[in-house]
N, C-alpha and C. Protein backbone atom coordinates (compact mmCIF):
# COMPACT_ATOMS: atom_id res chain seq x y z
N LYS A 1 29.16 -4.37 6.28
CA LYS A 1 28.13 -5.15 5.22
C LYS A 1 28.91 -6.00 4.34
N MET A 2 28.41 -7.32 3.80
CA MET A 2 28.54 -7.77 2.49
C MET A 2 28.30 -7.53 1.52
N ASP A 3 29.26 -7.42 0.71
CA ASP A 3 28.87 -7.38 -0.94
C ASP A 3 29.22 -8.19 -1.69
N PHE A 4 28.60 -9.18 -2.46
CA PHE A 4 28.62 -10.20 -3.52
C PHE A 4 28.89 -9.90 -4.85
N GLY A 5 29.13 -8.59 -5.33
CA GLY A 5 29.48 -8.43 -6.66
C GLY A 5 28.00 -8.51 -7.95
N SER A 6 28.35 -9.16 -8.48
CA SER A 6 27.42 -9.60 -9.27
C SER A 6 27.24 -10.96 -9.84
N ASN A 7 27.46 -11.87 -8.49
CA ASN A 7 27.27 -13.45 -8.98
C ASN A 7 25.87 -13.96 -8.67
N PRO A 8 24.96 -14.05 -9.55
CA PRO A 8 23.55 -14.47 -9.06
C PRO A 8 23.28 -15.26 -8.13
N TYR A 9 24.14 -16.37 -7.92
CA TYR A 9 24.26 -17.40 -7.04
C TYR A 9 24.28 -16.80 -5.51
N LEU A 10 24.80 -15.20 -5.58
CA LEU A 10 25.38 -15.07 -4.32
C LEU A 10 24.30 -13.37 -4.04
N CYS A 11 24.50 -13.15 -4.77
CA CYS A 11 23.75 -11.99 -4.56
C CYS A 11 22.00 -11.76 -5.13
N GLY A 12 22.02 -12.73 -5.63
CA GLY A 12 20.22 -13.06 -6.25
C GLY A 12 20.05 -12.43 -7.99
N VAL A 13 19.57 -13.06 -8.55
CA VAL A 13 19.51 -12.76 -10.15
C VAL A 13 19.12 -11.17 -10.27
N VAL A 14 18.29 -10.53 -9.39
CA VAL A 14 17.67 -9.19 -8.88
C VAL A 14 18.83 -8.08 -9.10
N THR A 15 19.11 -8.54 -8.08
CA THR A 15 20.54 -7.50 -7.83
C THR A 15 21.29 -7.79 -8.72
N ALA A 16 21.94 -9.09 -9.08
CA ALA A 16 23.50 -8.70 -10.66
C ALA A 16 22.21 -8.04 -11.57
N ALA A 17 21.41 -8.57 -11.80
CA ALA A 17 20.81 -7.23 -13.04
C ALA A 17 20.99 -5.93 -12.88
N GLN A 18 20.56 -5.92 -11.51
CA GLN A 18 21.03 -3.95 -11.13
C GLN A 18 21.66 -3.27 -10.57
N ARG A 19 22.99 -4.44 -10.60
CA ARG A 19 24.38 -4.13 -10.98
C ARG A 19 24.37 -3.48 -11.96
N LEU A 20 24.71 -4.78 -12.80
CA LEU A 20 25.24 -4.63 -13.91
C LEU A 20 24.11 -3.24 -14.82
N ALA A 21 23.26 -3.28 -14.99
CA ALA A 21 22.53 -2.28 -15.32
C ALA A 21 23.27 -0.64 -14.67
N THR A 22 23.29 -0.85 -13.54
CA THR A 22 23.84 0.61 -13.17
C THR A 22 25.68 0.70 -13.86
N LEU A 23 26.10 0.08 -14.48
CA LEU A 23 27.27 -0.06 -14.39
C LEU A 23 27.32 0.17 -16.52
N PHE A 24 25.96 -1.00 -16.66
CA PHE A 24 26.14 -0.19 -18.11
C PHE A 24 25.73 0.91 -18.43
N HIS A 25 24.51 1.47 -17.72
CA HIS A 25 24.13 3.08 -17.95
C HIS A 25 25.01 3.92 -17.52
N ASP A 26 25.90 4.23 -16.74
CA ASP A 26 27.19 4.70 -15.87
C ASP A 26 28.19 5.03 -17.42
N VAL A 27 28.41 3.42 -17.95
CA VAL A 27 29.35 3.76 -19.29
C VAL A 27 28.78 3.78 -20.17
N HIS A 28 27.31 3.61 -20.61
CA HIS A 28 26.67 4.06 -21.79
C HIS A 28 27.29 5.91 -21.52
N GLU A 29 26.27 6.36 -20.53
CA GLU A 29 26.23 7.84 -20.24
C GLU A 29 27.19 8.38 -20.48
N ALA A 30 28.77 7.91 -20.53
CA ALA A 30 29.89 8.73 -20.37
C ALA A 30 30.20 8.41 -22.18
N LEU A 31 30.13 7.58 -23.09
CA LEU A 31 30.19 7.64 -23.98
C LEU A 31 29.55 8.64 -24.89
N ARG A 32 28.16 8.48 -24.46
CA ARG A 32 27.15 9.57 -24.96
C ARG A 32 27.69 11.37 -24.68
N GLN A 33 28.40 11.34 -23.31
CA GLN A 33 28.93 12.71 -23.16
C GLN A 33 29.79 13.36 -24.19
N THR A 34 30.85 12.14 -24.84
CA THR A 34 32.01 12.62 -25.84
C THR A 34 31.25 12.34 -27.07
N SER A 35 30.17 11.48 -27.58
CA SER A 35 29.00 11.21 -28.97
C SER A 35 28.20 11.01 -28.62
N PRO A 36 27.40 12.08 -28.53
CA PRO A 36 26.02 12.19 -28.11
C PRO A 36 24.95 11.60 -29.13
N SER A 37 25.25 11.38 -30.33
CA SER A 37 24.56 10.18 -30.86
C SER A 37 24.63 8.63 -31.17
N LEU A 38 25.86 8.98 -30.15
CA LEU A 38 25.92 6.97 -29.90
C LEU A 38 24.56 6.41 -29.85
N GLN A 39 24.72 5.03 -30.39
CA GLN A 39 24.06 4.08 -30.52
C GLN A 39 23.98 3.16 -30.00
N VAL A 40 23.88 2.12 -29.18
CA VAL A 40 24.65 0.74 -28.43
C VAL A 40 24.26 -0.36 -29.39
N ASP A 41 24.54 -1.43 -30.88
CA ASP A 41 24.30 -2.29 -31.20
C ASP A 41 23.83 -3.19 -30.40
N THR A 42 24.89 -3.98 -29.91
CA THR A 42 25.45 -4.97 -28.96
C THR A 42 25.98 -4.83 -27.64
N CYS A 43 25.82 -5.49 -26.34
CA CYS A 43 25.77 -5.09 -25.07
C CYS A 43 26.62 -6.58 -24.85
N CYS A 44 28.18 -6.43 -24.83
CA CYS A 44 28.01 -7.89 -23.84
C CYS A 44 28.96 -7.90 -23.03
N ILE A 45 28.46 -9.02 -22.57
CA ILE A 45 28.83 -8.98 -20.26
C ILE A 45 29.46 -10.04 -20.47
N THR A 46 30.36 -10.43 -19.80
CA THR A 46 30.88 -12.23 -19.35
C THR A 46 30.74 -11.78 -17.65
N MET A 47 30.26 -12.74 -16.78
CA MET A 47 30.42 -12.63 -15.85
C MET A 47 30.05 -13.53 -14.53
N SER A 48 30.50 -13.66 -13.78
CA SER A 48 30.66 -15.34 -12.97
C SER A 48 29.51 -15.57 -12.76
N GLY A 49 28.82 -17.03 -12.51
CA GLY A 49 27.80 -17.36 -12.08
C GLY A 49 26.66 -17.97 -13.11
N VAL A 50 27.49 -17.32 -14.61
CA VAL A 50 26.32 -18.03 -15.48
C VAL A 50 26.10 -19.08 -16.95
N ASP A 51 27.69 -19.61 -16.21
CA ASP A 51 27.92 -20.73 -17.02
C ASP A 51 27.04 -21.96 -16.06
N ASP A 52 26.66 -22.32 -15.09
CA ASP A 52 26.57 -22.99 -14.50
C ASP A 52 25.08 -24.04 -15.55
N GLU A 53 24.05 -22.82 -15.38
CA GLU A 53 22.52 -23.58 -15.88
C GLU A 53 22.28 -21.85 -16.65
N GLU A 54 21.35 -22.74 -16.99
CA GLU A 54 20.76 -22.05 -18.48
C GLU A 54 19.41 -20.70 -18.09
N ALA A 55 19.07 -21.64 -16.86
CA ALA A 55 17.93 -21.19 -16.48
C ALA A 55 18.39 -19.43 -15.72
N ILE A 56 19.18 -19.38 -15.35
CA ILE A 56 20.08 -18.33 -14.22
C ILE A 56 20.74 -17.67 -15.57
N ARG A 57 21.32 -18.11 -16.38
CA ARG A 57 21.49 -16.98 -17.82
C ARG A 57 20.27 -16.47 -18.48
N SER A 58 19.88 -17.01 -18.67
CA SER A 58 18.58 -16.22 -18.91
C SER A 58 17.81 -15.54 -18.09
N SER A 59 17.66 -15.78 -16.59
CA SER A 59 16.90 -14.54 -15.93
C SER A 59 17.48 -13.31 -16.07
N VAL A 60 18.94 -13.51 -15.75
CA VAL A 60 19.71 -12.24 -15.56
C VAL A 60 19.55 -11.45 -16.92
N GLU A 61 19.56 -12.21 -17.84
CA GLU A 61 19.42 -11.36 -19.19
C GLU A 61 18.02 -10.94 -19.32
N ALA A 62 17.04 -11.29 -18.99
CA ALA A 62 15.39 -10.80 -19.21
C ALA A 62 15.43 -9.84 -17.92
N GLU A 63 16.13 -9.83 -16.86
CA GLU A 63 15.64 -8.80 -16.03
C GLU A 63 17.03 -7.21 -16.66
N MET A 64 17.67 -7.65 -17.20
CA MET A 64 19.06 -6.63 -18.12
C MET A 64 17.86 -6.48 -19.21
N ASN A 65 17.56 -7.01 -19.73
CA ASN A 65 16.57 -6.82 -20.59
C ASN A 65 15.30 -5.54 -20.44
N ARG A 66 14.97 -5.72 -19.34
CA ARG A 66 13.57 -5.47 -18.77
C ARG A 66 13.94 -4.23 -18.42
N LEU A 67 15.25 -4.02 -17.43
CA LEU A 67 16.06 -2.47 -16.84
C LEU A 67 16.91 -1.48 -18.23
N CYS A 68 17.33 -2.03 -18.93
CA CYS A 68 18.16 -1.09 -20.06
C CYS A 68 18.32 -1.31 -21.38
N GLY A 69 17.05 -2.41 -21.79
CA GLY A 69 16.90 -2.88 -23.07
C GLY A 69 16.65 -2.43 -24.25
N SER A 70 16.17 -0.96 -23.77
CA SER A 70 15.96 0.19 -24.79
C SER A 70 17.57 0.55 -25.29
N SER A 71 18.29 0.29 -24.35
CA SER A 71 19.96 1.29 -24.77
C SER A 71 20.49 0.08 -25.73
N TYR A 72 19.88 -0.56 -25.87
CA TYR A 72 21.08 -1.64 -26.92
C TYR A 72 19.92 -2.18 -28.04
N GLN A 73 20.65 -2.42 -29.43
CA GLN A 73 19.66 -3.91 -30.42
C GLN A 73 19.48 -4.95 -29.30
N LYS A 74 20.76 -5.42 -29.24
CA LYS A 74 21.19 -7.41 -28.73
C LYS A 74 21.93 -7.13 -27.37
N LEU A 75 21.79 -7.94 -26.39
CA LEU A 75 22.55 -8.50 -25.51
C LEU A 75 22.99 -9.94 -25.55
N ILE A 76 24.22 -9.82 -25.04
CA ILE A 76 24.94 -10.91 -25.17
C ILE A 76 25.43 -11.59 -23.74
N LEU A 77 25.38 -12.18 -23.36
CA LEU A 77 25.65 -12.48 -21.65
C LEU A 77 26.12 -14.09 -21.29
N PHE A 78 27.43 -14.17 -21.24
CA PHE A 78 27.70 -15.88 -21.11
C PHE A 78 29.20 -15.77 -20.11
N GLY A 79 29.32 -16.57 -19.50
CA GLY A 79 30.44 -17.24 -18.51
C GLY A 79 31.91 -16.41 -18.18
N ASP A 80 32.05 -16.04 -17.18
CA ASP A 80 33.62 -15.19 -17.22
C ASP A 80 34.70 -16.42 -17.99
N THR A 81 34.34 -17.70 -17.20
CA THR A 81 35.51 -18.96 -18.10
C THR A 81 35.33 -18.44 -19.57
N THR A 82 33.90 -18.57 -19.79
CA THR A 82 33.90 -18.67 -21.34
C THR A 82 34.69 -17.26 -22.41
N ALA A 83 34.73 -16.37 -21.51
CA ALA A 83 35.13 -14.82 -22.21
C ALA A 83 36.99 -15.32 -21.99
N GLY A 84 37.46 -15.76 -21.25
CA GLY A 84 38.59 -16.17 -20.58
C GLY A 84 39.26 -17.16 -22.12
N PHE A 85 38.72 -18.23 -22.39
CA PHE A 85 38.69 -19.20 -23.77
C PHE A 85 38.49 -18.68 -24.68
N GLY A 86 38.77 -17.42 -25.05
CA GLY A 86 37.76 -16.65 -26.39
C GLY A 86 39.56 -16.06 -26.26
N PHE A 87 39.84 -15.80 -25.83
CA PHE A 87 41.33 -15.30 -26.06
C PHE A 87 42.23 -16.12 -26.38
N LEU A 88 42.00 -17.31 -25.83
CA LEU A 88 43.20 -18.55 -26.76
C LEU A 88 43.48 -18.34 -28.20
N GLU A 89 44.39 -18.45 -28.97
CA GLU A 89 44.27 -18.81 -30.28
C GLU A 89 44.94 -20.37 -30.39
N PRO A 90 44.30 -21.16 -31.17
CA PRO A 90 44.32 -22.68 -31.90
C PRO A 90 45.65 -22.66 -32.12
N ASP A 91 46.63 -21.72 -32.34
CA ASP A 91 47.52 -22.62 -33.09
C ASP A 91 48.88 -21.18 -32.51
N ARG A 92 48.14 -21.12 -31.05
CA ARG A 92 49.61 -20.85 -30.53
C ARG A 92 49.04 -21.03 -28.44
N PRO A 93 50.03 -21.36 -27.80
CA PRO A 93 50.14 -21.54 -26.64
C PRO A 93 49.80 -20.44 -25.44
N GLY A 94 49.10 -20.88 -24.90
CA GLY A 94 48.40 -19.60 -23.99
C GLY A 94 47.92 -19.91 -22.83
N ILE A 95 47.81 -18.98 -21.81
CA ILE A 95 47.24 -19.43 -20.22
C ILE A 95 46.36 -18.41 -19.90
N VAL A 96 44.93 -19.28 -18.88
CA VAL A 96 43.85 -18.04 -19.16
C VAL A 96 43.86 -18.68 -17.71
N LEU A 97 43.89 -17.77 -17.03
CA LEU A 97 43.59 -17.73 -15.73
C LEU A 97 42.35 -16.73 -15.34
N VAL A 98 41.02 -18.07 -14.47
CA VAL A 98 40.13 -17.04 -13.85
C VAL A 98 40.08 -17.25 -12.56
N ALA A 99 40.65 -16.28 -12.06
CA ALA A 99 40.67 -16.04 -10.21
C ALA A 99 39.79 -14.75 -9.33
N GLY A 100 39.42 -15.76 -8.33
CA GLY A 100 38.87 -14.52 -7.83
C GLY A 100 37.33 -14.46 -7.94
N THR A 101 36.66 -15.43 -8.81
CA THR A 101 34.83 -15.15 -8.97
C THR A 101 34.33 -16.04 -8.05
N GLY A 102 34.82 -16.91 -7.64
CA GLY A 102 34.32 -17.66 -6.84
C GLY A 102 32.78 -18.90 -7.39
N SER A 103 32.17 -18.46 -8.50
CA SER A 103 31.62 -19.27 -9.25
C SER A 103 31.58 -20.65 -8.74
N VAL A 104 33.02 -20.92 -9.67
CA VAL A 104 33.35 -22.57 -10.06
C VAL A 104 34.23 -22.97 -8.45
N ALA A 105 33.79 -22.32 -7.50
CA ALA A 105 34.16 -22.73 -6.24
C ALA A 105 33.13 -23.21 -5.33
N ARG A 106 31.94 -22.90 -5.66
CA ARG A 106 30.74 -23.64 -5.07
C ARG A 106 30.86 -24.74 -4.13
């Protein structure tokens, strides 16, 4: 059986969102075990396959909101390359390695 992770180009928007929702629910439940009154304000997800097209990103976002939107106030979804560049500091040298995602190697 082939497993394409959560890249919506490879596994489809619905499957990608279902996999992300499962991960979110697992983490959310684990956190609630230690803090029962926990409320999530923002869910931020970085993933491969959503940098290229707004339509893909917004479709995954809509499906995520349908599946688990009642568990958070706001969803932020952006590509893994964007996340990597967020770690760079403008006045310090740095290296960002984005490897193994396959989304930019289509």
